[in-house]
Amino acid sequence: MTKLDVTKLPEEYPRKVWTEGNGTRIGLVAQEGGCSKASVEIAAQTDQQVALTMVESTPAKQQMCTMDIRYPSFIVTLNAPLGERTVVLDYQKRTY
């Protein structure tokens, strides 16, 4: 994959992205830690780009959490092969 836009990710966030299944699936590594949970959402798919949102969800109620950092992998399935489209990664922090 040669077209990757990571300008919206935090500086320390992982940038490992790959394709599988003839380009119909995108794999990527996220970051979570302590009580936070990572997930990935497909925000948009156009002829020019695929926008993915990396979500880090933390509990709304304050609680004790470990200080570990984990790097889970995710696979998202596209409606068409990636081809020459740019993958744009965004980041959002949410509470649950």
C-alpha atoms as a PDB file:
ATOM      1  CA  MET A   1       0.000   0.000   0.000  1.00  0.00           C
ATOM      2  CA  THR A   2       1.610   3.248  -1.105  1.00  0.00           C
ATOM      3  CA  LYS A   3      -1.113   5.830  -0.471  1.00  0.00           C
ATOM      4  CA  LEU A   4      -1.599   6.351   3.252  1.00  0.00           C
ATOM      5  CA  ASP A   5      -2.594   9.608   4.973  1.00  0.00           C
ATOM      6  CA  VAL A   6      -1.894   9.513   8.727  1.00  0.00           C
ATOM      7  CA  THR A   7      -1.784  13.271   9.382  1.00  0.00           C
ATOM      8  CA  LYS A   8      -4.816  13.085  11.730  1.00  0.00           C
ATOM      9  CA  LEU A   9      -3.318  10.398  13.988  1.00  0.00           C
ATOM     10  CA  PRO A  10      -1.577  11.270  17.266  1.00  0.00           C
ATOM     11  CA  GLU A  11       2.200  11.270  16.796  1.00  0.00           C
ATOM     12  CA  GLU A  12       2.789   8.123  18.890  1.00  0.00           C
ATOM     13  CA  TYR A  13      -0.061   6.118  17.319  1.00  0.00           C
ATOM     14  CA  PRO A  14       0.815   2.959  15.279  1.00  0.00           C
ATOM     15  CA  ARG A  15       0.908   3.276  11.490  1.00  0.00           C
ATOM     16  CA  LYS A  16       0.893  -0.361  10.426  1.00  0.00           C
ATOM     17  CA  VAL A  17      -1.617  -0.945   7.591  1.00  0.00           C
ATOM     18  CA  TRP A  18      -1.874  -3.739   4.990  1.00  0.00           C
ATOM     19  CA  THR A  19      -4.296  -5.248   2.488  1.00  0.00           C
ATOM     20  CA  GLU A  20      -5.642  -8.784   2.232  1.00  0.00           C
ATOM     21  CA  GLY A  21      -7.999 -10.691  -0.057  1.00  0.00           C
ATOM     22  CA  ASN A  22      -7.154  -8.997  -3.372  1.00  0.00           C
ATOM     23  CA  GLY A  23      -7.410  -5.600  -1.690  1.00  0.00           C
ATOM     24  CA  THR A  24     -10.951  -6.083  -0.396  1.00  0.00           C
ATOM     25  CA  ARG A  25      -9.812  -6.096   3.236  1.00  0.00           C
ATOM     26  CA  ILE A  26      -7.607  -3.629   5.087  1.00  0.00           C
ATOM     27  CA  GLY A  27      -5.730  -4.717   8.180  1.00  0.00           C
ATOM     28  CA  LEU A  28      -4.385  -2.241  10.688  1.00  0.00           C
ATOM     29  CA  VAL A  29      -2.976  -1.975  14.175  1.00  0.00           C
ATOM     30  CA  ALA A  30      -4.632   0.243  16.778  1.00  0.00           C
ATOM     31  CA  GLN A  31      -3.631   1.269  20.283  1.00  0.00           C
ATOM     32  CA  GLU A  32      -5.401   0.830  23.598  1.00  0.00           C
ATOM     33  CA  GLY A  33      -4.322   0.677  27.197  1.00  0.00           C
ATOM     34  CA  GLY A  34      -5.539   0.362  30.746  1.00  0.00           C
ATOM     35  CA  CYS A  35      -9.328   0.601  30.609  1.00  0.00           C
ATOM     36  CA  SER A  36      -9.499   1.911  27.031  1.00  0.00           C
ATOM     37  CA  LYS A  37     -10.719  -0.248  24.145  1.00  0.00           C
ATOM     38  CA  ALA A  38      -9.781   0.248  20.510  1.00  0.00           C
ATOM     39  CA  SER A  39     -12.021  -0.190  17.490  1.00  0.00           C
ATOM     40  CA  VAL A  40     -12.054   0.803  13.828  1.00  0.00           C
ATOM     41  CA  GLU A  41     -14.926   2.205  11.767  1.00  0.00           C
ATOM     42  CA  ILE A  42     -15.220   2.763   8.029  1.00  0.00           C
ATOM     43  CA  ALA A  43     -16.102   6.462   7.824  1.00  0.00           C
ATOM     44  CA  ALA A  44     -16.369   6.731   4.020  1.00  0.00           C
ATOM     45  CA  GLN A  45     -15.505   4.959   0.764  1.00  0.00           C
ATOM     46  CA  THR A  46     -15.218   6.973  -2.452  1.00  0.00           C
ATOM     47  CA  ASP A  47     -13.473   6.479  -5.793  1.00  0.00           C
ATOM     48  CA  GLN A  48     -10.489   8.444  -4.426  1.00  0.00           C
ATOM     49  CA  GLN A  49     -10.162   7.311  -0.821  1.00  0.00           C
ATOM     50  CA  VAL A  50     -11.159   5.039   2.035  1.00  0.00           C
ATOM     51  CA  ALA A  51     -11.501   6.893   5.341  1.00  0.00           C
ATOM     52  CA  LEU A  52     -11.099   4.854   8.514  1.00  0.00           C
ATOM     53  CA  THR A  53     -11.627   6.138  12.040  1.00  0.00           C
ATOM     54  CA  MET A  54      -9.499   4.688  14.803  1.00  0.00           C
ATOM     55  CA  VAL A  55     -11.605   4.925  17.975  1.00  0.00           C
ATOM     56  CA  GLU A  56     -10.251   4.739  21.517  1.00  0.00           C
ATOM     57  CA  SER A  57     -13.113   4.371  24.014  1.00  0.00           C
ATOM     58  CA  THR A  58     -12.590   5.000  27.714  1.00  0.00           C
ATOM     59  CA  PRO A  59     -15.030   4.591  30.625  1.00  0.00           C
ATOM     60  CA  ALA A  60     -17.097   7.699  31.396  1.00  0.00           C
ATOM     61  CA  LYS A  61     -16.887   6.899  35.103  1.00  0.00           C
ATOM     62  CA  GLN A  62     -13.415   7.272  36.570  1.00  0.00           C
ATOM     63  CA  GLN A  63     -11.953   3.975  37.752  1.00  0.00           C
ATOM     64  CA  MET A  64      -8.625   2.330  38.502  1.00  0.00           C
ATOM     65  CA  CYS A  65      -6.931   1.022  35.360  1.00  0.00           C
ATOM     66  CA  THR A  66      -3.664  -0.694  34.560  1.00  0.00           C
ATOM     67  CA  MET A  67      -0.920   1.280  32.817  1.00  0.00           C
ATOM     68  CA  ASP A  68      -0.286  -1.222  30.009  1.00  0.00           C
ATOM     69  CA  ILE A  69      -0.434  -0.407  26.300  1.00  0.00           C
ATOM     70  CA  ARG A  70      -1.811  -2.953  23.845  1.00  0.00           C
ATOM     71  CA  TYR A  71      -1.744  -3.003  20.039  1.00  0.00           C
ATOM     72  CA  PRO A  72      -4.741  -5.003  18.743  1.00  0.00           C
ATOM     73  CA  SER A  73      -5.079  -5.778  15.029  1.00  0.00           C
ATOM     74  CA  PHE A  74      -8.295  -5.224  13.092  1.00  0.00           C
ATOM     75  CA  ILE A  75      -9.550  -6.173   9.623  1.00  0.00           C
ATOM     76  CA  VAL A  76     -12.211  -4.132   7.807  1.00  0.00           C
ATOM     77  CA  THR A  77     -13.949  -5.278   4.637  1.00  0.00           C
ATOM     78  CA  LEU A  78     -14.384  -2.782   1.801  1.00  0.00           C
ATOM     79  CA  ASN A  79     -17.241  -2.658  -0.704  1.00  0.00           C
ATOM     80  CA  ALA A  80     -14.657  -2.858  -3.545  1.00  0.00           C
ATOM     81  CA  PRO A  81     -10.908  -3.572  -3.800  1.00  0.00           C
ATOM     82  CA  LEU A  82      -8.715  -0.718  -2.558  1.00  0.00           C
ATOM     83  CA  GLY A  83      -6.901  -0.323  -5.871  1.00  0.00           C
ATOM     84  CA  GLU A  84      -5.247   3.095  -6.181  1.00  0.00           C
ATOM     85  CA  ARG A  85      -7.387   4.764  -3.509  1.00  0.00           C
ATOM     86  CA  THR A  86      -5.745   6.544  -0.589  1.00  0.00           C
ATOM     87  CA  VAL A  87      -6.346   5.201   2.922  1.00  0.00           C
ATOM     88  CA  VAL A  88      -7.007   8.085   5.313  1.00  0.00           C
ATOM     89  CA  LEU A  89      -6.740   7.322   9.038  1.00  0.00           C
ATOM     90  CA  ASP A  90      -8.521   9.534  11.570  1.00  0.00           C
ATOM     91  CA  TYR A  91      -8.568   9.259  15.372  1.00  0.00           C
ATOM     92  CA  GLN A  92     -11.374   9.842  17.874  1.00  0.00           C
ATOM     93  CA  LYS A  93     -11.460   9.461  21.614  1.00  0.00           C
ATOM     94  CA  ARG A  94     -14.875   8.499  23.053  1.00  0.00           C
ATOM     95  CA  THR A  95     -16.369   7.472  26.373  1.00  0.00           C
ATOM     96  CA  TYR A  96     -18.642   4.552  27.123  1.00  0.00           C
END
